[in-house]
Amino acid sequence: MEPDGVAKAAGWKVGDVIVAIDGKELEGMRDLFSAVQDGSPRKTIVIERKGRRVSTTVDWSGTPGEAEREARRREREARQ
């Protein structure tokens, strides 16, 4: 976990496990990457910590790569 990263800012701790993003339960890493890349950079993320679920909000806007993700999202929407 990066000292100045979004996970730290959201209050996550080493050992936390992401189990859902924006209300969708994750079944694997592919779901995680897809959920992070789709839609708004602001996400509601549920983590599991020591057997308990905790809901947090993370905002990836302004992080490296966000501009590229936003451009890809707009391209996908334009094709639909």
Protein backbone atom coordinates (compact mmCIF):
# COMPACT_ATOMS: atom_id res chain seq x y z
CA MET A 1 0.00 0.00 0.00
CA GLU A 2 1.40 3.35 -1.02
CA PRO A 3 1.78 5.90 1.81
CA ASP A 4 0.03 8.61 -0.22
CA GLY A 5 -2.29 6.33 -2.19
CA VAL A 6 -6.06 6.17 -2.32
CA ALA A 7 -6.23 2.97 -0.27
CA LYS A 8 -4.42 4.60 2.63
CA ALA A 9 -6.61 7.71 2.32
CA ALA A 10 -9.72 5.49 2.47
CA GLY A 11 -8.51 3.96 5.73
CA TRP A 12 -7.67 0.54 4.34
CA LYS A 13 -5.13 -1.60 6.15
CA VAL A 14 -2.78 -4.34 5.05
CA GLY A 15 -4.80 -7.55 5.00
CA ASP A 16 -8.10 -5.92 3.97
CA VAL A 17 -9.82 -7.79 1.14
CA ILE A 18 -12.01 -6.03 -1.45
CA VAL A 19 -15.25 -8.01 -1.72
CA ALA A 20 -17.61 -5.64 -3.59
CA ILE A 21 -17.53 -2.47 -5.67
CA ASP A 22 -20.59 -0.28 -6.20
CA GLY A 23 -22.86 -3.03 -4.92
CA LYS A 24 -21.42 -5.83 -7.08
CA GLU A 25 -19.80 -8.78 -5.34
CA LEU A 26 -16.42 -9.65 -6.83
CA GLU A 27 -15.65 -13.19 -7.93
CA GLY A 28 -12.05 -12.62 -8.98
CA MET A 29 -9.39 -10.21 -10.15
CA ARG A 30 -11.06 -9.72 -13.54
CA ASP A 31 -14.17 -8.39 -11.78
CA LEU A 32 -12.00 -6.07 -9.71
CA PHE A 33 -10.18 -4.59 -12.71
CA SER A 34 -13.39 -4.26 -14.71
CA ALA A 35 -15.24 -2.50 -11.87
CA VAL A 36 -12.40 -0.06 -11.25
CA GLN A 37 -12.11 0.86 -14.94
CA ASP A 38 -15.83 1.24 -15.63
CA GLY A 39 -17.84 4.32 -14.80
CA SER A 40 -17.00 7.04 -12.34
CA PRO A 41 -13.60 7.22 -10.61
CA ARG A 42 -15.50 7.55 -7.31
CA LYS A 43 -16.44 4.08 -6.04
CA THR A 44 -18.13 2.60 -3.00
CA ILE A 45 -15.97 -0.31 -1.98
CA VAL A 46 -16.74 -2.96 0.60
CA ILE A 47 -13.73 -4.53 2.24
CA GLU A 48 -13.54 -7.44 4.62
CA ARG A 49 -11.37 -6.89 7.67
CA LYS A 50 -11.01 -9.58 10.32
CA GLY A 51 -14.30 -11.18 9.28
CA ARG A 52 -16.30 -7.93 9.25
CA ARG A 53 -17.42 -5.95 6.22
CA VAL A 54 -16.66 -2.25 6.06
CA SER A 55 -17.95 0.14 3.37
CA THR A 56 -15.57 2.85 2.16
CA THR A 57 -15.54 5.41 -0.62
CA VAL A 58 -12.53 5.82 -2.88
CA ASP A 59 -11.90 8.51 -5.49
CA TRP A 60 -9.36 7.58 -8.15
CA SER A 61 -9.64 10.88 -10.03
CA GLY A 62 -6.27 12.53 -10.25
CA THR A 63 -4.38 9.27 -9.87
CA PRO A 64 -1.93 8.12 -12.54
CA GLY A 65 -3.81 6.41 -15.34
CA GLU A 66 -7.21 7.94 -14.58
CA ALA A 67 -7.14 10.14 -17.70
CA GLU A 68 -6.50 7.07 -19.87
CA ARG A 69 -9.29 5.09 -18.18
CA GLU A 70 -11.70 7.99 -18.67
CA ALA A 71 -10.79 8.25 -22.37
CA ARG A 72 -11.38 4.49 -22.88
CA ARG A 73 -14.71 4.71 -21.05
CA ARG A 74 -15.86 7.56 -23.29
CA GLU A 75 -14.80 5.62 -26.40
CA ARG A 76 -16.84 2.59 -25.28
CA GLU A 77 -19.89 4.77 -24.59
CA ALA A 78 -19.57 6.45 -28.00
CA ARG A 79 -19.61 3.05 -29.73
CA GLN A 80 -22.83 1.96 -28.03
